[in-house]
Amino acid sequence: MSDHVVIIGNGISGITAARHIRKKSNMKITVISKESDHFYSRTALMYIFMGHMRYKDTKPYEDWFWEKNRIDLINDFVTEIDTDTKTLKLQDKGNLTYDKLIIAVGSRPNKFGWPGQDLDGVQGLYSLQDLELMEEKTKGISSAVIVGGGLIGVEMAEMLLSRDIKVTMLVREKNFWNPVLPVQESEMIAKHIESHHVDLRLQTELSEIIADENGKVKSLKTSKDEEIPCQFVGLTVGVTPNIKFVESSKVHWQIGVMVNEYLESSIPDVYAIGDCAEFKKHPTGRRHLEQVWYTGKMMGETVAETITGNKTIYNPGIWFNSAKFFDIEYQTYGSIKNKLEENETEFYWEHEDEQKCIHIVFDKETRSFLGINAFGIRIRHNVMDRWLASKMKIDEVMSSLRDANFDPEFYKLHEQEIVDQFNQENNTNIQLKKKSWKRIFSRS
């Protein structure tokens, strides 16, 4: 009899693992999730709220996909894990045994013990249930406060503004998304957010959320002793692995479920992937928690290889991410932190319209290309990946900028302007090469 693989969670990590295990084996596969009956794209939640998509449009697979691929779905919560007997206790449907267990439960929005944080009208945005709650709690309201910046905060602001709801955003740092963005990009994005009529208040923290006589939000007090009237408060101060049910088990955890380079936990036949997995030591030296869509997908693929007999180390390659701040698209590749390391130097170019910029970091001594942020200019993933992996010298990077551009035809190009500024600042005479499709798609 083949092994029974149970996957807790039906987000991108869990469903990718299920799909790839099915491709490679005849194992029995069960997916447990109370969030939704079928996998959907979590990154599309904002577009459902804004009316750009319907829920059914966010499901990458037809509902019959699961039956066709012999993947069983259980709509329930796991409340306990007994690793000695390999048994899961479900909230409503009794017990379920497993041979191999994959924990892929994602995250939950952070709360930090603020007075009033559990009032009616206060919430985060992570799950389908959060979206449904936000739909209900924002009907007919006129003003909202978002606590925290970052990507989810900007998404929530855009969602609320689409319903003509006045938005105030509280950010405790001096600059917007300061833990991630260098100050130049942070200031540019702050201006862009304010241009969309968001009342952005930097260096301002939440002190207390105040209720009306019915227990609903009526206002919010800040660290500057201001009181802001509002009927909705969005908490977007990051997320935490959603592993409460793991904490009473023998599985080792700290912030998330602790895993090794094979995504194995401290208990044999128990794995963790996605937002809830925390590396003891990351295989490529990156952060111990990687709560990004594409890394979750790669973890799902990796654990499927191991479970089906091909033990595989998780190797996500060069770090990258992408997002959108209202009208400005953002891409980042390699190592580009909010502050330079001792061995690093930088080049920053910003367009006069204050909606496009390129920020490049390179090694002072070796002049090797280390990382790039691009705002409002699309760049090619495969080119960046190759340049970073080969530690290309900055002069060659600058001369080859046209190869990296991925903007559609008829977009205005800025490479010559960027190179001219680099030459002026660095006393160089780099000549911009013509675009070469051969170089773009080269594997070397």
Protein backbone atom coordinates (compact mmCIF):
# COMPACT_ATOMS: atom_id res chain seq x y z
CA MET A 1 0.00 0.00 0.00
CA SER A 2 1.33 3.45 -0.90
CA ASP A 3 2.03 6.12 1.71
CA HIS A 4 -0.66 8.57 2.78
CA VAL A 5 0.59 12.15 2.45
CA VAL A 6 -1.42 14.74 4.38
CA ILE A 7 -0.93 18.42 3.60
CA ILE A 8 -2.27 21.02 6.03
CA GLY A 9 -3.00 24.17 4.04
CA ASN A 10 -4.12 24.74 0.45
CA GLY A 11 -2.13 27.84 -0.47
CA ILE A 12 0.55 27.98 -3.15
CA SER A 13 3.02 25.86 -1.11
CA GLY A 14 0.65 23.06 -0.17
CA ILE A 15 -1.07 22.75 -3.54
CA THR A 16 2.23 22.86 -5.46
CA ALA A 17 3.47 20.00 -3.24
CA ALA A 18 0.26 18.04 -3.89
CA ARG A 19 0.44 18.52 -7.65
CA HIS A 20 4.09 17.49 -7.89
CA ILE A 21 3.69 14.48 -5.60
CA ARG A 22 0.83 13.33 -7.82
CA LYS A 23 2.94 13.80 -10.96
CA LYS A 24 5.66 11.58 -9.51
CA SER A 25 3.71 8.95 -7.54
CA ASN A 26 0.49 7.11 -6.77
CA MET A 27 0.57 8.08 -3.09
CA LYS A 28 -2.73 8.87 -1.40
CA ILE A 29 -2.92 12.67 -0.97
CA THR A 30 -5.21 14.55 1.42
CA VAL A 31 -5.31 18.35 1.71
CA ILE A 32 -6.87 19.91 4.83
CA SER A 33 -7.99 23.54 4.85
CA LYS A 34 -10.83 25.48 6.41
CA GLU A 35 -10.12 28.60 4.39
CA SER A 36 -11.52 27.53 1.02
CA ASP A 37 -12.56 24.41 -0.84
CA HIS A 38 -10.15 25.04 -3.68
CA PHE A 39 -6.83 26.74 -4.29
CA TYR A 40 -7.04 30.40 -5.31
CA SER A 41 -4.50 33.16 -5.90
CA ARG A 42 -4.08 34.98 -2.59
CA THR A 43 -2.35 37.90 -4.32
CA ALA A 44 -5.62 38.62 -6.18
CA LEU A 45 -7.70 39.36 -3.06
CA MET A 46 -7.44 43.11 -3.60
CA TYR A 47 -8.73 42.82 -7.16
CA ILE A 48 -11.84 40.94 -6.00
CA PHE A 49 -12.60 43.77 -3.55
CA MET A 50 -12.01 46.41 -6.24
CA GLY A 51 -14.31 44.64 -8.70
CA HIS A 52 -11.58 43.82 -11.22
CA MET A 53 -11.95 40.05 -10.75
CA ARG A 54 -14.45 37.55 -9.38
CA TYR A 55 -13.44 34.89 -6.87
CA LYS A 56 -13.89 32.16 -9.48
CA ASP A 57 -11.44 34.01 -11.76
CA THR A 58 -8.69 33.64 -9.12
CA LYS A 59 -8.75 29.83 -9.15
CA PRO A 60 -5.96 28.56 -11.45
CA TYR A 61 -7.55 25.07 -11.70
CA GLU A 62 -11.06 23.90 -12.43
CA ASP A 63 -12.92 22.44 -9.47
CA TRP A 64 -12.82 18.98 -11.03
CA PHE A 65 -8.99 19.07 -11.12
CA TRP A 66 -8.77 17.61 -7.61
CA GLU A 67 -10.98 14.61 -8.30
CA LYS A 68 -9.23 13.94 -11.61
CA ASN A 69 -5.84 13.98 -9.86
CA ARG A 70 -7.06 11.97 -6.86
CA ILE A 71 -6.40 14.69 -4.32
CA ASP A 72 -8.87 14.53 -1.42
CA LEU A 73 -10.01 17.76 0.23
CA ILE A 74 -11.12 18.06 3.86
CA ASN A 75 -12.69 21.33 4.97
CA ASP A 76 -11.63 21.49 8.62
CA PHE A 77 -9.08 22.78 11.15
CA VAL A 78 -6.25 20.69 12.60
CA THR A 79 -6.18 21.26 16.36
CA GLU A 80 -3.44 18.83 17.44
CA ILE A 81 -0.60 16.73 15.99
CA ASP A 82 0.41 13.47 17.67
CA THR A 83 3.70 12.55 16.01
CA ASP A 84 4.07 9.34 18.04
CA THR A 85 0.95 7.79 16.49
CA LYS A 86 1.06 9.94 13.32
CA THR A 87 -2.43 11.20 14.02
CA LEU A 88 -4.06 14.57 13.42
CA LYS A 89 -6.98 15.71 15.54
CA LEU A 90 -9.53 17.67 13.49
CA GLN A 91 -11.94 20.20 14.94
CA ASP A 92 -15.10 18.69 13.42
CA LYS A 93 -14.26 15.44 11.63
CA GLY A 94 -12.46 13.28 14.16
CA ASN A 95 -8.94 11.95 13.68
CA LEU A 96 -6.86 11.37 10.56
CA THR A 97 -3.67 9.32 10.31
CA TYR A 98 -0.77 10.07 8.01
CA ASP A 99 2.45 8.47 6.84
CA LYS A 100 4.03 11.76 5.78
CA LEU A 101 2.88 15.20 6.89
CA ILE A 102 3.48 18.57 5.21
CA ILE A 103 2.68 21.67 7.25
CA ALA A 104 1.87 24.50 4.84
CA VAL A 105 -0.46 26.71 6.88
CA GLY A 106 0.92 30.12 5.93
CA SER A 107 0.72 33.15 8.21
CA ARG A 108 -1.66 35.34 10.18
CA PRO A 109 -1.59 39.15 10.57
CA ASN A 110 0.41 40.45 13.54
CA LYS A 111 -1.20 41.98 16.62
CA PHE A 112 0.89 43.57 19.35
CA GLY A 113 -1.52 43.87 22.25
CA TRP A 114 -2.93 47.32 21.44
CA PRO A 115 -5.99 48.31 23.48
CA GLY A 116 -9.02 47.77 21.23
CA GLN A 117 -7.23 45.57 18.68
CA ASP A 118 -10.07 43.00 18.75
CA LEU A 119 -12.93 45.45 18.31
CA ASP A 120 -15.55 45.09 15.60
CA GLY A 121 -14.03 46.77 12.52
CA VAL A 122 -10.36 45.97 13.26
CA GLN A 123 -8.62 43.34 11.11
CA GLY A 124 -5.72 42.30 8.92
CA LEU A 125 -5.80 41.05 5.34
CA TYR A 126 -4.40 37.61 4.59
CA SER A 127 -7.15 35.06 3.99
CA LEU A 128 -10.37 34.75 2.01
CA GLN A 129 -12.25 35.14 5.31
CA ASP A 130 -10.38 38.43 5.90
CA LEU A 131 -11.58 39.67 2.50
CA GLU A 132 -15.17 38.68 3.26
CA LEU A 133 -14.96 40.42 6.65
CA MET A 134 -13.51 43.55 5.05
CA GLU A 135 -16.37 43.60 2.54
CA GLU A 136 -18.86 43.52 5.42
CA LYS A 137 -17.11 46.01 7.72
CA THR A 138 -16.43 48.71 5.12
CA LYS A 139 -19.99 48.99 3.79
CA GLY A 140 -21.20 52.56 4.14
CA ILE A 141 -18.16 53.84 6.05
CA SER A 142 -16.42 57.13 5.28
CA SER A 143 -12.94 56.84 6.84
CA ALA A 144 -10.34 54.22 7.74
CA VAL A 145 -6.90 54.06 9.33
CA ILE A 146 -4.21 51.61 8.20
CA VAL A 147 -1.59 50.79 10.82
CA GLY A 148 1.72 49.87 9.16
CA GLY A 149 3.13 50.41 5.72
CA GLY A 150 4.67 47.83 3.43
CA LEU A 151 3.02 46.01 0.58
CA ILE A 152 -0.19 44.87 2.29
CA GLY A 153 -0.74 48.35 3.72
CA VAL A 154 -0.53 49.92 0.26
CA GLU A 155 -2.84 47.25 -1.18
CA MET A 156 -5.41 47.91 1.54
CA ALA A 157 -5.17 51.67 0.94
CA GLU A 158 -5.82 51.19 -2.76
CA MET A 159 -8.77 48.91 -1.98
CA LEU A 160 -10.38 51.41 0.39
CA LEU A 161 -9.80 54.37 -1.91
CA SER A 162 -11.56 52.47 -4.71
CA ARG A 163 -14.71 52.73 -2.53
CA ASP A 164 -14.20 56.47 -1.85
CA ILE A 165 -13.19 55.81 1.75
CA LYS A 166 -10.80 58.36 3.24
CA VAL A 167 -7.51 56.69 4.28
CA THR A 168 -4.97 57.62 6.93
CA MET A 169 -1.82 55.49 7.16
CA LEU A 170 0.36 55.31 10.28
CA VAL A 171 4.01 54.31 9.79
CA ARG A 172 6.27 54.21 12.85
CA GLU A 173 9.54 54.60 10.91
CA LYS A 174 11.06 57.85 9.66
CA ASN A 175 10.67 56.67 6.08
CA PHE A 176 8.09 54.51 4.34
CA TRP A 177 8.86 50.74 4.49
CA ASN A 178 12.17 51.69 6.06
CA PRO A 179 13.16 48.13 7.12
CA VAL A 180 13.30 47.14 3.43
CA LEU A 181 13.74 50.15 1.16
CA PRO A 182 16.77 52.45 0.95
CA VAL A 183 15.90 56.04 1.84
CA GLN A 184 15.83 57.26 -1.80
CA GLU A 185 13.12 54.81 -2.89
CA SER A 186 11.31 55.19 0.42
CA GLU A 187 10.94 58.94 -0.05
CA MET A 188 9.83 58.56 -3.67
CA ILE A 189 7.14 56.01 -2.78
CA ALA A 190 5.94 58.13 0.15
CA LYS A 191 5.34 61.04 -2.23
CA HIS A 192 3.51 58.71 -4.62
CA ILE A 193 1.25 57.41 -1.85
CA GLU A 194 0.42 60.97 -0.78
CA SER A 195 -0.37 61.89 -4.40
CA HIS A 196 -3.20 59.33 -4.18
CA HIS A 197 -4.74 61.33 -1.31
CA VAL A 198 -3.57 59.03 1.48
CA ASP A 199 -2.89 60.93 4.70
CA LEU A 200 0.52 59.36 5.35
CA ARG A 201 1.82 59.96 8.86
CA LEU A 202 5.43 58.92 9.37
CA GLN A 203 7.00 58.37 12.80
CA THR A 204 3.50 57.82 14.18
CA GLU A 205 2.34 54.71 16.05
CA LEU A 206 -0.96 53.30 17.20
CA SER A 207 -1.67 53.77 20.91
CA GLU A 208 -5.31 52.74 21.29
CA ILE A 209 -8.43 51.92 19.27
CA ILE A 210 -11.59 53.40 20.77
CA ALA A 211 -15.05 51.82 20.63
CA ASP A 212 -18.49 53.36 20.36
CA GLU A 213 -21.42 52.29 22.54
CA ASN A 214 -21.96 49.21 20.35
CA GLY A 215 -18.40 47.92 20.54
CA LYS A 216 -17.49 49.10 17.05
CA VAL A 217 -14.52 51.27 16.08
CA LYS A 218 -15.20 54.99 16.32
CA SER A 219 -11.68 56.45 16.50
CA LEU A 220 -7.99 55.78 17.02
CA LYS A 221 -5.37 57.45 19.21
CA THR A 222 -1.79 57.82 18.02
CA SER A 223 1.55 58.03 19.82
CA LYS A 224 1.39 61.79 19.23
CA ASP A 225 -1.80 61.96 21.30
CA GLU A 226 -3.96 62.68 18.25
CA GLU A 227 -7.42 61.16 17.93
CA ILE A 228 -8.45 60.19 14.39
CA PRO A 229 -12.15 59.44 13.75
CA CYS A 230 -12.61 56.23 11.72
CA GLN A 231 -14.96 53.26 11.31
CA PHE A 232 -12.37 50.70 10.19
CA VAL A 233 -8.78 49.92 11.21
CA GLY A 234 -6.53 47.76 9.02
CA LEU A 235 -3.61 46.11 10.80
CA THR A 236 -0.78 45.61 8.29
CA VAL A 237 2.28 45.39 10.52
CA GLY A 238 3.57 42.14 9.10
CA VAL A 239 2.59 38.51 9.57
CA THR A 240 3.52 35.59 11.83
CA PRO A 241 3.55 31.85 10.99
CA ASN A 242 0.11 30.40 11.73
CA ILE A 243 1.34 27.47 13.84
CA LYS A 244 -0.62 27.66 17.11
CA PHE A 245 -1.72 24.02 16.72
CA VAL A 246 1.92 22.90 16.36
CA GLU A 247 3.06 24.43 19.64
CA SER A 248 1.72 21.58 21.82
CA SER A 249 3.36 18.89 19.63
CA LYS A 250 6.89 17.46 19.64
CA VAL A 251 7.72 19.35 16.44
CA HIS A 252 10.44 21.94 17.12
CA TRP A 253 9.38 25.54 16.45
CA GLN A 254 10.55 29.06 17.26
CA ILE A 255 8.82 31.68 15.14
CA GLY A 256 7.90 29.07 12.51
CA VAL A 257 8.34 25.31 12.24
CA MET A 258 12.11 24.73 12.26
CA VAL A 259 13.37 22.94 9.14
CA ASN A 260 16.69 21.92 7.60
CA GLU A 261 17.83 22.39 4.00
CA TYR A 262 15.54 19.51 2.93
CA LEU A 263 12.52 21.19 4.57
CA GLU A 264 12.44 18.39 7.15
CA SER A 265 11.29 19.22 10.68
CA SER A 266 12.76 17.82 13.89
CA ILE A 267 10.38 14.83 13.63
CA PRO A 268 10.81 12.18 10.91
CA ASP A 269 8.21 12.32 8.11
CA VAL A 270 7.06 15.81 9.11
CA TYR A 271 7.92 18.69 6.76
CA ALA A 272 7.11 22.41 6.69
CA ILE A 273 7.01 24.72 3.66
CA GLY A 274 6.00 28.25 2.75
CA ASP A 275 5.34 31.11 5.15
CA CYS A 276 5.32 28.87 8.23
CA ALA A 277 8.74 27.27 7.64
CA GLU A 278 11.76 28.68 9.48
CA PHE A 279 15.23 27.54 8.47
CA LYS A 280 17.78 26.61 11.13
CA LYS A 281 20.32 27.76 8.56
CA HIS A 282 19.17 28.94 5.15
CA PRO A 283 20.85 26.94 2.34
CA THR A 284 21.85 30.13 0.50
CA GLY A 285 22.41 32.37 3.52
CA ARG A 286 19.19 34.34 3.14
CA ARG A 287 16.63 35.14 5.84
CA HIS A 288 15.41 32.23 7.95
CA LEU A 289 11.77 33.07 7.11
CA GLU A 290 10.87 33.55 3.43
CA GLN A 291 7.25 34.66 3.20
CA VAL A 292 7.02 35.22 -0.54
CA TRP A 293 4.76 33.59 -3.15
CA TYR A 294 7.48 32.24 -5.42
CA THR A 295 9.60 30.77 -2.60
CA GLY A 296 6.50 28.97 -1.31
CA LYS A 297 6.00 27.48 -4.75
CA MET A 298 9.64 26.37 -4.94
CA MET A 299 9.43 24.80 -1.48
CA GLY A 300 6.38 22.83 -2.62
CA GLU A 301 8.29 21.52 -5.64
CA THR A 302 11.34 20.67 -3.51
CA VAL A 303 9.49 18.75 -0.80
CA ALA A 304 7.62 16.76 -3.46
CA GLU A 305 10.96 15.57 -4.85
CA THR A 306 12.11 14.42 -1.39
CA ILE A 307 8.85 12.69 -0.48
CA THR A 308 8.81 10.79 -3.77
CA GLY A 309 12.34 9.43 -3.29
CA ASN A 310 14.65 12.07 -4.75
CA LYS A 311 15.97 13.85 -1.65
CA THR A 312 16.54 17.45 -2.73
CA ILE A 313 18.05 20.51 -1.05
CA TYR A 314 15.95 23.67 -1.27
CA ASN A 315 17.79 26.09 -3.56
CA PRO A 316 15.79 29.18 -4.54
CA GLY A 317 18.67 30.84 -6.39
CA ILE A 318 19.08 34.62 -6.53
CA TRP A 319 16.70 36.60 -4.30
CA PHE A 320 14.02 38.54 -6.13
CA ASN A 321 10.61 40.00 -5.46
CA SER A 322 8.06 42.19 -7.23
CA ALA A 323 5.05 44.25 -6.21
CA LYS A 324 3.10 47.38 -7.05
CA PHE A 325 2.70 50.67 -5.18
CA PHE A 326 -0.45 52.09 -6.76
CA ASP A 327 0.81 52.97 -10.29
CA ILE A 328 4.49 52.15 -9.73
CA GLU A 329 5.72 48.62 -10.37
CA TYR A 330 8.60 47.42 -8.20
CA GLN A 331 11.23 44.73 -8.79
CA THR A 332 14.23 43.83 -6.67
CA TYR A 333 17.04 41.37 -7.41
CA GLY A 334 20.05 40.29 -5.38
CA SER A 335 21.23 42.01 -2.22
CA ILE A 336 20.06 45.59 -1.86
CA LYS A 337 19.28 46.50 1.75
CA ASN A 338 17.97 49.66 3.36
CA LYS A 339 21.55 50.55 4.37
CA LEU A 340 24.83 49.85 2.59
CA GLU A 341 27.26 47.28 3.99
CA GLU A 342 30.86 48.32 4.58
CA ASN A 343 32.07 46.77 1.31
CA GLU A 344 29.26 48.25 -0.81
CA THR A 345 28.73 51.39 -2.84
CA GLU A 346 25.72 52.54 -4.84
CA PHE A 347 24.38 54.31 -7.88
CA TYR A 348 20.93 55.91 -7.82
CA TRP A 349 19.06 57.44 -10.74
CA GLU A 350 15.59 58.94 -10.53
CA HIS A 351 13.47 60.33 -13.35
CA GLU A 352 12.20 63.89 -13.06
CA ASP A 353 8.59 62.61 -12.92
CA GLU A 354 9.43 61.00 -9.53
CA GLN A 355 7.80 57.72 -10.60
CA LYS A 356 10.81 55.87 -12.00
CA CYS A 357 14.17 55.03 -10.48
CA ILE A 358 17.03 52.55 -10.64
CA HIS A 359 19.15 51.80 -7.58
CA ILE A 360 22.23 49.60 -8.09
CA VAL A 361 24.59 48.31 -5.40
CA PHE A 362 28.07 46.97 -6.22
CA ASP A 363 31.24 45.96 -4.39
CA LYS A 364 33.71 48.80 -3.78
CA GLU A 365 36.82 46.71 -4.39
CA THR A 366 35.84 44.09 -6.95
CA ARG A 367 33.15 46.25 -8.63
CA SER A 368 30.92 43.15 -8.82
CA PHE A 369 27.19 43.74 -9.32
CA LEU A 370 25.36 42.86 -6.06
CA GLY A 371 21.75 43.97 -6.46
CA ILE A 372 19.20 46.28 -8.05
CA ASN A 373 15.87 47.94 -7.26
CA ALA A 374 13.77 49.06 -10.22
CA PHE A 375 10.67 51.24 -9.86
CA GLY A 376 8.54 52.07 -12.90
CA ILE A 377 10.97 50.32 -15.27
CA ARG A 378 10.52 46.62 -15.98
CA ILE A 379 13.67 44.51 -16.11
CA ARG A 380 14.24 40.96 -17.33
CA HIS A 381 14.45 38.29 -14.66
CA ASN A 382 16.69 35.94 -16.64
CA VAL A 383 19.19 38.73 -17.39
CA MET A 384 19.37 39.86 -13.77
CA ASP A 385 19.73 36.27 -12.60
CA ARG A 386 22.66 35.68 -14.94
CA TRP A 387 24.42 38.96 -14.16
CA LEU A 388 24.19 38.39 -10.41
CA ALA A 389 25.17 34.72 -10.55
CA SER A 390 28.26 35.55 -12.66
CA LYS A 391 29.18 38.55 -10.46
CA MET A 392 29.34 40.75 -13.54
CA LYS A 393 31.37 43.94 -13.15
CA ILE A 394 29.38 47.14 -12.79
CA ASP A 395 30.87 48.72 -15.94
CA GLU A 396 29.61 45.78 -18.03
CA VAL A 397 26.22 45.96 -16.32
CA MET A 398 25.86 49.63 -17.20
CA SER A 399 26.95 49.15 -20.79
CA SER A 400 24.44 46.29 -21.19
CA LEU A 401 21.41 48.00 -19.62
CA ARG A 402 19.39 47.79 -22.83
CA ASP A 403 19.50 43.99 -22.60
CA ALA A 404 17.83 44.16 -19.19
CA ASN A 405 14.87 46.33 -20.25
CA PHE A 406 11.56 44.49 -20.48
CA ASP A 407 9.17 47.38 -21.07
CA PRO A 408 6.71 46.95 -23.95
CA GLU A 409 7.28 48.50 -27.36
CA PHE A 410 6.74 52.27 -27.52
CA TYR A 411 7.63 52.80 -23.83
CA LYS A 412 10.07 55.64 -23.40
CA LEU A 413 13.56 54.32 -22.66
CA HIS A 414 16.03 55.88 -20.23
CA GLU A 415 19.22 53.83 -20.49
CA GLN A 416 21.33 56.54 -22.11
CA GLU A 417 20.33 59.06 -19.45
CA ILE A 418 21.15 56.53 -16.71
CA VAL A 419 24.58 55.71 -18.16
CA ASP A 420 25.40 59.40 -18.68
CA GLN A 421 24.71 60.09 -15.00
CA PHE A 422 26.78 57.06 -13.94
CA ASN A 423 29.72 58.29 -16.06
CA GLN A 424 29.48 61.76 -14.57
CA GLU A 425 29.37 60.51 -10.98
CA ASN A 426 32.08 57.85 -11.36
CA ASN A 427 34.45 59.54 -13.81
CA THR A 428 34.02 56.73 -16.33
CA ASN A 429 33.39 56.64 -20.09
CA ILE A 430 31.04 53.67 -20.46
CA GLN A 431 29.41 53.32 -23.88
CA LEU A 432 25.90 51.89 -24.04
CA LYS A 433 25.71 48.78 -26.23
CA LYS A 434 22.91 48.09 -28.67
CA LYS A 435 20.31 45.61 -27.48
CA SER A 436 21.34 42.03 -28.23
CA TRP A 437 18.76 39.24 -28.23
CA LYS A 438 21.61 36.77 -28.33
CA ARG A 439 22.96 38.11 -25.04
CA ILE A 440 19.50 38.32 -23.50
CA PHE A 441 18.74 34.64 -24.00
CA SER A 442 22.28 33.35 -23.58
CA ARG A 443 22.66 30.57 -20.98
CA SER A 444 26.30 31.38 -20.28
